[in-house]
Amino acid sequence: MLIRAEAAAELGTITQTDLDETINKLRARVGFNHPLTLNVGFDDPVIAAAYPNVQGSNPKLIREIRRERRIEMFAEGVRYDDIRRWACGNLLTAPRLGIIIEGAGYSDEEIQALKETVGVNEDGALTIYEKRYAGQSPTPVFEDPKHYLSPIPTDEIGKAPNLKQNPGW
């Protein structure tokens, strides 16, 4: 259902009926009674920055469908494929941070202990990997174009000598 809605939105052929038969059915199933319409009345700047290369005629709707897919498919193992398909490898290079501990119900002593043990960034978010991997870069790496493609197994290249390895592999 999500792919159907996404494809129609990308092609510019999506109708309200398509949304009602796909996204809105999923929303209704979980009791979320705010149906998605063709005219998305907002443009979340965080989501817009995450998906800067949307090409369709209704980019706000496409981004909203992508957000819906991210939520609906959580922990299903398809996120990496979606990110590669959308050419949004930038999403994988953001530093991994923990919660912002200020005002989160911790005492001043607990906050200080967390800051000393784990570390925090300038926004107060826990930098959960920086101290754990001291001397290593905790920043994820995504190489373009290498990580948009998978390596071709060498035994397959051996069977077909005209087959060339994907760039970077």
N, C-alpha and C. Protein backbone atom coordinates (compact mmCIF):
# COMPACT_ATOMS: atom_id res chain seq x y z
N MET A 1 0.82 -1.19 0.00
CA MET A 1 0.00 0.00 0.00
C MET A 1 0.87 1.26 0.00
N LEU A 2 1.95 1.20 0.76
CA LEU A 2 2.85 2.35 0.84
C LEU A 2 3.56 2.58 -0.49
N ILE A 3 4.01 1.49 -1.11
CA ILE A 3 4.70 1.62 -2.40
C ILE A 3 3.73 2.15 -3.46
N ARG A 4 2.50 1.67 -3.42
CA ARG A 4 1.50 2.15 -4.38
C ARG A 4 1.30 3.65 -4.25
N ALA A 5 1.15 4.14 -3.02
CA ALA A 5 0.97 5.58 -2.81
C ALA A 5 2.22 6.35 -3.22
N GLU A 6 3.38 5.83 -2.86
CA GLU A 6 4.62 6.52 -3.20
C GLU A 6 4.81 6.60 -4.71
N ALA A 7 4.58 5.49 -5.40
CA ALA A 7 4.77 5.47 -6.85
C ALA A 7 3.82 6.45 -7.54
N ALA A 8 2.56 6.44 -7.14
CA ALA A 8 1.59 7.36 -7.75
C ALA A 8 1.97 8.81 -7.47
N ALA A 9 2.43 9.10 -6.26
CA ALA A 9 2.85 10.47 -5.93
C ALA A 9 4.06 10.87 -6.75
N GLU A 10 5.03 9.98 -6.87
CA GLU A 10 6.24 10.29 -7.66
C GLU A 10 5.89 10.52 -9.14
N LEU A 11 4.94 9.73 -9.65
CA LEU A 11 4.55 9.87 -11.06
C LEU A 11 3.62 11.06 -11.30
N GLY A 12 3.10 11.63 -10.21
CA GLY A 12 2.19 12.76 -10.34
C GLY A 12 0.78 12.34 -10.71
N THR A 13 0.43 11.08 -10.51
CA THR A 13 -0.90 10.59 -10.86
C THR A 13 -1.77 10.28 -9.65
N ILE A 14 -1.30 10.59 -8.47
CA ILE A 14 -2.02 10.22 -7.25
C ILE A 14 -3.32 11.01 -7.12
N THR A 15 -4.33 10.33 -6.62
CA THR A 15 -5.63 10.95 -6.37
C THR A 15 -5.97 10.79 -4.90
N GLN A 16 -7.00 11.49 -4.46
CA GLN A 16 -7.45 11.33 -3.09
C GLN A 16 -7.93 9.91 -2.84
N THR A 17 -8.52 9.28 -3.85
CA THR A 17 -8.95 7.89 -3.73
C THR A 17 -7.75 6.99 -3.45
N ASP A 18 -6.63 7.24 -4.14
CA ASP A 18 -5.40 6.47 -3.88
C ASP A 18 -4.98 6.61 -2.43
N LEU A 19 -4.98 7.84 -1.93
CA LEU A 19 -4.60 8.07 -0.53
C LEU A 19 -5.56 7.38 0.43
N ASP A 20 -6.85 7.44 0.13
CA ASP A 20 -7.84 6.81 1.01
C ASP A 20 -7.69 5.29 1.03
N GLU A 21 -7.27 4.71 -0.09
CA GLU A 21 -7.14 3.25 -0.18
C GLU A 21 -5.78 2.75 0.33
N THR A 22 -4.88 3.66 0.62
CA THR A 22 -3.54 3.24 1.05
C THR A 22 -3.18 3.87 2.40
N ILE A 23 -2.62 5.03 2.39
CA ILE A 23 -2.14 5.69 3.61
C ILE A 23 -3.25 5.85 4.64
N ASN A 24 -4.39 6.33 4.20
CA ASN A 24 -5.47 6.58 5.16
C ASN A 24 -6.05 5.30 5.75
N LYS A 25 -6.01 4.19 5.00
CA LYS A 25 -6.41 2.90 5.58
C LYS A 25 -5.45 2.49 6.68
N LEU A 26 -4.16 2.71 6.44
CA LEU A 26 -3.16 2.38 7.46
C LEU A 26 -3.35 3.24 8.70
N ARG A 27 -3.61 4.51 8.49
CA ARG A 27 -3.82 5.41 9.62
C ARG A 27 -5.08 5.03 10.40
N ALA A 28 -6.14 4.70 9.70
CA ALA A 28 -7.41 4.32 10.36
C ALA A 28 -7.23 3.03 11.16
N ARG A 29 -6.42 2.12 10.67
CA ARG A 29 -6.19 0.85 11.35
C ARG A 29 -5.66 1.04 12.76
N VAL A 30 -4.86 2.06 12.97
CA VAL A 30 -4.27 2.30 14.29
C VAL A 30 -4.99 3.40 15.06
N GLY A 31 -6.12 3.86 14.53
CA GLY A 31 -6.89 4.86 15.24
C GLY A 31 -6.43 6.29 15.03
N PHE A 32 -5.55 6.51 14.06
CA PHE A 32 -5.09 7.87 13.77
C PHE A 32 -6.10 8.49 12.82
N ASN A 33 -6.94 9.36 13.32
CA ASN A 33 -8.06 9.87 12.54
C ASN A 33 -7.79 11.20 11.86
N HIS A 34 -6.56 11.39 11.41
CA HIS A 34 -6.21 12.60 10.65
C HIS A 34 -5.81 12.13 9.25
N PRO A 35 -6.76 12.09 8.32
CA PRO A 35 -6.44 11.56 6.99
C PRO A 35 -5.49 12.48 6.21
N LEU A 36 -4.67 11.85 5.41
CA LEU A 36 -3.76 12.59 4.53
C LEU A 36 -4.54 13.02 3.29
N THR A 37 -4.33 14.26 2.88
CA THR A 37 -4.99 14.78 1.68
C THR A 37 -3.93 15.17 0.67
N LEU A 38 -4.37 15.39 -0.55
CA LEU A 38 -3.44 15.78 -1.61
C LEU A 38 -2.77 17.12 -1.31
N ASN A 39 -3.49 17.99 -0.62
CA ASN A 39 -2.97 19.30 -0.30
C ASN A 39 -2.39 19.28 1.12
N VAL A 40 -1.13 18.89 1.24
CA VAL A 40 -0.47 18.88 2.55
C VAL A 40 -0.24 20.33 2.93
N GLY A 41 -0.84 20.74 4.04
CA GLY A 41 -0.83 22.15 4.41
C GLY A 41 0.40 22.61 5.17
N PHE A 42 1.39 21.78 5.30
CA PHE A 42 2.59 22.17 6.04
C PHE A 42 3.80 21.57 5.36
N ASP A 43 4.95 22.09 5.66
CA ASP A 43 6.20 21.55 5.14
C ASP A 43 7.19 21.53 6.29
N ASP A 44 7.32 20.41 6.93
CA ASP A 44 8.22 20.26 8.07
C ASP A 44 9.66 20.51 7.60
N PRO A 45 10.33 21.52 8.14
CA PRO A 45 11.68 21.84 7.67
C PRO A 45 12.68 20.72 7.93
N VAL A 46 12.49 19.93 8.97
CA VAL A 46 13.40 18.82 9.25
C VAL A 46 13.26 17.76 8.18
N ILE A 47 12.02 17.42 7.82
CA ILE A 47 11.79 16.41 6.78
C ILE A 47 12.22 16.95 5.42
N ALA A 48 11.97 18.23 5.16
CA ALA A 48 12.40 18.83 3.89
C ALA A 48 13.91 18.78 3.75
N ALA A 49 14.64 19.02 4.85
CA ALA A 49 16.10 18.95 4.80
C ALA A 49 16.58 17.51 4.63
N ALA A 50 15.84 16.55 5.19
CA ALA A 50 16.24 15.15 5.09
C ALA A 50 16.08 14.62 3.67
N TYR A 51 15.08 15.11 2.95
CA TYR A 51 14.81 14.66 1.59
C TYR A 51 14.89 15.84 0.63
N PRO A 52 16.10 16.33 0.37
CA PRO A 52 16.24 17.55 -0.44
C PRO A 52 16.03 17.34 -1.93
N ASN A 53 16.06 16.10 -2.40
CA ASN A 53 16.06 15.86 -3.83
C ASN A 53 14.74 15.31 -4.36
N VAL A 54 13.63 15.62 -3.71
CA VAL A 54 12.32 15.17 -4.18
C VAL A 54 12.02 15.87 -5.50
N GLN A 55 11.66 15.09 -6.52
CA GLN A 55 11.48 15.64 -7.86
C GLN A 55 10.02 15.75 -8.31
N GLY A 56 9.10 15.09 -7.64
CA GLY A 56 7.71 15.03 -8.09
C GLY A 56 7.02 16.38 -8.07
N SER A 57 5.80 16.41 -8.61
CA SER A 57 5.04 17.65 -8.71
C SER A 57 4.44 18.09 -7.38
N ASN A 58 4.39 17.19 -6.38
CA ASN A 58 3.85 17.53 -5.07
C ASN A 58 4.86 17.09 -4.00
N PRO A 59 5.96 17.83 -3.84
CA PRO A 59 7.03 17.38 -2.95
C PRO A 59 6.60 17.25 -1.49
N LYS A 60 5.69 18.10 -1.02
CA LYS A 60 5.24 17.99 0.37
C LYS A 60 4.52 16.66 0.60
N LEU A 61 3.70 16.25 -0.35
CA LEU A 61 2.99 14.98 -0.24
C LEU A 61 3.97 13.82 -0.30
N ILE A 62 4.93 13.88 -1.20
CA ILE A 62 5.92 12.80 -1.32
C ILE A 62 6.70 12.66 -0.02
N ARG A 63 7.11 13.78 0.55
CA ARG A 63 7.84 13.72 1.83
C ARG A 63 6.96 13.15 2.94
N GLU A 64 5.70 13.49 2.94
CA GLU A 64 4.79 12.97 3.97
C GLU A 64 4.59 11.46 3.79
N ILE A 65 4.52 11.00 2.55
CA ILE A 65 4.40 9.55 2.31
C ILE A 65 5.69 8.84 2.75
N ARG A 66 6.83 9.45 2.51
CA ARG A 66 8.10 8.86 2.96
C ARG A 66 8.15 8.80 4.49
N ARG A 67 7.66 9.86 5.15
CA ARG A 67 7.62 9.85 6.60
C ARG A 67 6.70 8.75 7.10
N GLU A 68 5.57 8.60 6.45
CA GLU A 68 4.63 7.54 6.81
C GLU A 68 5.26 6.16 6.63
N ARG A 69 6.00 6.00 5.55
CA ARG A 69 6.68 4.72 5.30
C ARG A 69 7.72 4.44 6.37
N ARG A 70 8.44 5.47 6.77
CA ARG A 70 9.45 5.31 7.83
C ARG A 70 8.80 4.81 9.12
N ILE A 71 7.65 5.38 9.46
CA ILE A 71 6.95 4.99 10.69
C ILE A 71 6.36 3.58 10.55
N GLU A 72 5.65 3.35 9.46
CA GLU A 72 4.95 2.07 9.28
C GLU A 72 5.91 0.89 9.15
N MET A 73 7.05 1.13 8.53
CA MET A 73 7.99 0.03 8.27
C MET A 73 9.12 -0.05 9.30
N PHE A 74 8.95 0.64 10.41
CA PHE A 74 9.98 0.64 11.46
C PHE A 74 10.36 -0.78 11.83
N ALA A 75 11.65 -1.04 11.90
CA ALA A 75 12.22 -2.34 12.31
C ALA A 75 11.86 -3.48 11.37
N GLU A 76 11.49 -3.16 10.12
CA GLU A 76 11.18 -4.21 9.15
C GLU A 76 12.36 -4.53 8.24
N GLY A 77 13.46 -3.76 8.37
CA GLY A 77 14.64 -4.04 7.59
C GLY A 77 14.64 -3.47 6.19
N VAL A 78 13.81 -2.46 5.92
CA VAL A 78 13.74 -1.90 4.58
C VAL A 78 14.26 -0.46 4.50
N ARG A 79 14.61 0.12 5.62
CA ARG A 79 15.00 1.54 5.65
C ARG A 79 16.22 1.82 4.77
N TYR A 80 17.23 0.96 4.85
CA TYR A 80 18.44 1.17 4.06
C TYR A 80 18.11 1.13 2.57
N ASP A 81 17.26 0.21 2.16
CA ASP A 81 16.87 0.14 0.75
C ASP A 81 16.09 1.38 0.33
N ASP A 82 15.21 1.88 1.21
CA ASP A 82 14.48 3.11 0.91
C ASP A 82 15.43 4.27 0.74
N ILE A 83 16.37 4.41 1.64
CA ILE A 83 17.32 5.52 1.58
C ILE A 83 18.15 5.45 0.30
N ARG A 84 18.56 4.26 -0.09
CA ARG A 84 19.30 4.13 -1.35
C ARG A 84 18.41 4.45 -2.54
N ARG A 85 17.17 3.98 -2.52
CA ARG A 85 16.25 4.23 -3.63
C ARG A 85 15.96 5.72 -3.78
N TRP A 86 15.86 6.43 -2.66
CA TRP A 86 15.56 7.85 -2.69
C TRP A 86 16.82 8.71 -2.86
N ALA A 87 17.99 8.08 -2.92
CA ALA A 87 19.27 8.79 -3.02
C ALA A 87 19.44 9.79 -1.87
N CYS A 88 19.17 9.32 -0.65
CA CYS A 88 19.27 10.16 0.55
C CYS A 88 20.29 9.60 1.53
N GLY A 89 21.46 9.22 1.04
CA GLY A 89 22.51 8.68 1.90
C GLY A 89 22.92 9.64 3.00
N ASN A 90 22.62 10.93 2.82
CA ASN A 90 22.93 11.93 3.84
C ASN A 90 22.26 11.59 5.18
N LEU A 91 21.15 10.88 5.14
CA LEU A 91 20.44 10.51 6.38
C LEU A 91 21.26 9.55 7.23
N LEU A 92 22.16 8.82 6.61
CA LEU A 92 22.94 7.83 7.34
C LEU A 92 24.22 8.38 7.95
N THR A 93 24.54 9.62 7.65
CA THR A 93 25.79 10.18 8.14
C THR A 93 25.62 11.10 9.34
N ALA A 94 24.41 11.25 9.82
CA ALA A 94 24.17 12.08 10.99
C ALA A 94 24.75 11.41 12.23
N PRO A 95 25.35 12.17 13.13
CA PRO A 95 25.88 11.56 14.35
C PRO A 95 24.76 10.93 15.16
N ARG A 96 25.06 9.82 15.78
CA ARG A 96 24.08 9.12 16.61
C ARG A 96 24.12 9.72 18.01
N LEU A 97 23.00 10.28 18.42
CA LEU A 97 22.93 10.96 19.71
C LEU A 97 21.88 10.33 20.60
N GLY A 98 22.05 10.51 21.90
CA GLY A 98 21.05 10.07 22.86
C GLY A 98 20.09 11.21 23.17
N ILE A 99 19.36 11.07 24.24
CA ILE A 99 18.36 12.07 24.60
C ILE A 99 19.02 13.35 25.09
N ILE A 100 18.25 14.41 25.09
CA ILE A 100 18.67 15.67 25.71
C ILE A 100 18.29 15.55 27.18
N ILE A 101 19.28 15.57 28.05
CA ILE A 101 19.04 15.23 29.45
C ILE A 101 18.58 16.40 30.30
N GLU A 102 18.78 17.62 29.84
CA GLU A 102 18.34 18.77 30.64
C GLU A 102 16.83 18.75 30.75
N GLY A 103 16.31 18.82 31.95
CA GLY A 103 14.86 18.84 32.15
C GLY A 103 14.17 17.52 31.90
N ALA A 104 14.93 16.44 31.86
CA ALA A 104 14.35 15.12 31.57
C ALA A 104 14.06 14.34 32.84
N GLY A 105 14.00 15.02 33.98
CA GLY A 105 13.68 14.34 35.23
C GLY A 105 14.88 13.82 35.98
N TYR A 106 16.07 14.23 35.58
CA TYR A 106 17.29 13.81 36.27
C TYR A 106 17.69 14.87 37.29
N SER A 107 18.31 14.44 38.36
CA SER A 107 18.83 15.39 39.34
C SER A 107 20.10 16.02 38.77
N ASP A 108 20.52 17.13 39.39
CA ASP A 108 21.75 17.79 38.94
C ASP A 108 22.95 16.85 39.04
N GLU A 109 22.98 16.02 40.08
CA GLU A 109 24.09 15.07 40.25
C GLU A 109 24.07 14.01 39.15
N GLU A 110 22.88 13.52 38.82
CA GLU A 110 22.76 12.51 37.77
C GLU A 110 23.16 13.09 36.41
N ILE A 111 22.74 14.31 36.15
CA ILE A 111 23.10 14.97 34.89
C ILE A 111 24.61 15.13 34.80
N GLN A 112 25.24 15.57 35.87
CA GLN A 112 26.69 15.74 35.86
C GLN A 112 27.39 14.41 35.64
N ALA A 113 26.89 13.35 36.29
CA ALA A 113 27.49 12.02 36.12
C ALA A 113 27.36 11.53 34.68
N LEU A 114 26.20 11.77 34.06
CA LEU A 114 26.01 11.38 32.66
C LEU A 114 26.94 12.17 31.75
N LYS A 115 27.08 13.46 32.01
CA LYS A 115 27.97 14.30 31.20
C LYS A 115 29.41 13.80 31.29
N GLU A 116 29.84 13.41 32.48
CA GLU A 116 31.20 12.93 32.66
C GLU A 116 31.40 11.53 32.08
N THR A 117 30.41 10.69 32.22
CA THR A 117 30.54 9.30 31.76
C THR A 117 30.35 9.18 30.26
N VAL A 118 29.30 9.80 29.74
CA VAL A 118 28.93 9.62 28.34
C VAL A 118 29.34 10.81 27.49
N GLY A 119 29.16 12.00 28.01
CA GLY A 119 29.43 13.22 27.25
C GLY A 119 28.15 13.76 26.63
N VAL A 120 28.15 15.05 26.37
CA VAL A 120 27.01 15.71 25.74
C VAL A 120 27.52 16.68 24.67
N ASN A 121 26.66 16.98 23.70
CA ASN A 121 27.03 17.97 22.69
C ASN A 121 26.54 19.34 23.13
N GLU A 122 26.68 20.34 22.26
CA GLU A 122 26.32 21.71 22.62
C GLU A 122 24.82 21.89 22.86
N ASP A 123 24.00 20.97 22.34
CA ASP A 123 22.55 21.04 22.55
C ASP A 123 22.11 20.29 23.81
N GLY A 124 23.03 19.62 24.48
CA GLY A 124 22.70 18.86 25.67
C GLY A 124 22.33 17.42 25.40
N ALA A 125 22.47 16.95 24.15
CA ALA A 125 22.16 15.56 23.81
C ALA A 125 23.35 14.67 24.17
N LEU A 126 23.06 13.49 24.69
CA LEU A 126 24.13 12.54 25.02
C LEU A 126 24.87 12.13 23.76
N THR A 127 26.18 12.18 23.82
CA THR A 127 27.03 11.73 22.71
C THR A 127 27.46 10.30 23.04
N ILE A 128 26.55 9.38 22.84
CA ILE A 128 26.69 8.02 23.36
C ILE A 128 27.83 7.21 22.77
N TYR A 129 28.36 7.60 21.62
CA TYR A 129 29.41 6.80 21.00
C TYR A 129 30.80 7.41 21.10
N GLU A 130 30.91 8.69 21.33
CA GLU A 130 32.20 9.36 21.26
C GLU A 130 33.19 8.84 22.30
N LYS A 131 32.76 8.68 23.54
CA LYS A 131 33.69 8.18 24.56
C LYS A 131 33.88 6.68 24.43
N ARG A 132 32.83 5.97 24.05
CA ARG A 132 32.93 4.51 23.91
C ARG A 132 33.95 4.13 22.84
N TYR A 133 34.00 4.90 21.77
CA TYR A 133 34.91 4.60 20.67
C TYR A 133 35.99 5.67 20.57
N ALA A 134 36.59 5.99 21.69
CA ALA A 134 37.64 7.01 21.73
C ALA A 134 38.75 6.63 20.76
N GLY A 135 39.20 7.59 20.00
CA GLY A 135 40.26 7.36 19.03
C GLY A 135 39.73 6.90 17.68
N GLN A 136 38.46 6.55 17.62
CA GLN A 136 37.84 6.15 16.36
C GLN A 136 36.80 7.20 16.00
N SER A 137 36.42 7.25 14.76
CA SER A 137 35.38 8.19 14.36
C SER A 137 34.01 7.58 14.60
N PRO A 138 33.20 8.17 15.47
CA PRO A 138 31.87 7.64 15.70
C PRO A 138 30.86 8.06 14.63
N THR A 139 31.31 8.90 13.69
CA THR A 139 30.42 9.38 12.65
C THR A 139 30.25 8.31 11.58
N PRO A 140 29.00 7.93 11.27
CA PRO A 140 28.78 6.92 10.23
C PRO A 140 29.29 7.40 8.88
N VAL A 141 29.67 6.46 8.05
CA VAL A 141 30.21 6.77 6.73
C VAL A 141 29.24 6.27 5.66
N PHE A 142 28.97 7.10 4.68
CA PHE A 142 28.18 6.71 3.51
C PHE A 142 28.88 7.31 2.31
N GLU A 143 29.45 6.47 1.47
CA GLU A 143 30.20 6.93 0.31
C GLU A 143 29.31 6.90 -0.93
N ASP A 144 29.25 8.02 -1.62
CA ASP A 144 28.50 8.14 -2.86
C ASP A 144 29.50 8.04 -4.01
N PRO A 145 29.34 7.16 -4.96
CA PRO A 145 28.21 6.30 -5.28
C PRO A 145 28.32 4.88 -4.70
N LYS A 146 29.42 4.57 -4.04
CA LYS A 146 29.68 3.20 -3.60
C LYS A 146 28.51 2.59 -2.83
N HIS A 147 28.02 3.24 -1.81
CA HIS A 147 27.02 2.63 -0.94
C HIS A 147 25.60 2.67 -1.49
N TYR A 148 25.41 3.31 -2.65
CA TYR A 148 24.11 3.21 -3.30
C TYR A 148 23.98 1.89 -4.06
N LEU A 149 25.08 1.22 -4.25
CA LEU A 149 25.10 -0.05 -4.96
C LEU A 149 25.68 -1.13 -4.05
N SER A 150 25.38 -2.37 -4.35
CA SER A 150 25.97 -3.48 -3.61
C SER A 150 27.12 -4.05 -4.42
N PRO A 151 28.07 -4.68 -3.76
CA PRO A 151 29.15 -5.30 -4.52
C PRO A 151 28.63 -6.52 -5.29
N ILE A 152 29.20 -6.73 -6.45
CA ILE A 152 28.87 -7.92 -7.23
C ILE A 152 29.80 -9.02 -6.74
N PRO A 153 29.25 -10.18 -6.36
CA PRO A 153 30.10 -11.27 -5.86
C PRO A 153 31.19 -11.63 -6.88
N THR A 154 32.40 -11.84 -6.38
CA THR A 154 33.53 -12.13 -7.28
C THR A 154 33.32 -13.42 -8.07
N ASP A 155 32.63 -14.40 -7.50
CA ASP A 155 32.39 -15.62 -8.26
C ASP A 155 31.46 -15.37 -9.45
N GLU A 156 30.57 -14.38 -9.34
CA GLU A 156 29.70 -14.02 -10.46
C GLU A 156 30.52 -13.32 -11.55
N ILE A 157 31.46 -12.48 -11.13
CA ILE A 157 32.33 -11.82 -12.10
C ILE A 157 33.20 -12.86 -12.79
N GLY A 158 33.64 -13.88 -12.02
CA GLY A 158 34.43 -14.95 -12.61
C GLY A 158 33.67 -15.74 -13.66
N LYS A 159 32.38 -15.89 -13.48
CA LYS A 159 31.55 -16.62 -14.44
C LYS A 159 31.27 -15.78 -15.69
N ALA A 160 31.27 -14.47 -15.54
CA ALA A 160 30.96 -13.58 -16.64
C ALA A 160 32.04 -12.48 -16.69
N PRO A 161 33.16 -12.76 -17.37
CA PRO A 161 34.29 -11.82 -17.35
C PRO A 161 33.96 -10.41 -17.85
N ASN A 162 32.90 -10.24 -18.64
CA ASN A 162 32.53 -8.91 -19.12
C ASN A 162 31.82 -8.10 -18.05
N LEU A 163 31.44 -8.76 -16.97
CA LEU A 163 30.77 -8.09 -15.86
C LEU A 163 31.81 -7.31 -15.05
N LYS A 164 31.54 -6.05 -14.79
CA LYS A 164 32.47 -5.20 -14.05
C LYS A 164 31.91 -4.92 -12.66
N GLN A 165 32.82 -4.82 -11.70
CA GLN A 165 32.43 -4.53 -10.33
C GLN A 165 31.82 -3.14 -10.23
N ASN A 166 30.86 -2.98 -9.33
CA ASN A 166 30.25 -1.68 -9.11
C ASN A 166 31.31 -0.69 -8.57
N PRO A 167 31.14 0.61 -8.87
CA PRO A 167 32.13 1.61 -8.46
C PRO A 167 32.40 1.60 -6.95
N GLY A 168 33.67 1.64 -6.61
CA GLY A 168 34.08 1.70 -5.22
C GLY A 168 34.26 0.35 -4.56
N TRP A 169 33.74 -0.70 -5.13
CA TRP A 169 33.87 -2.03 -4.57
C TRP A 169 35.02 -2.73 -5.27
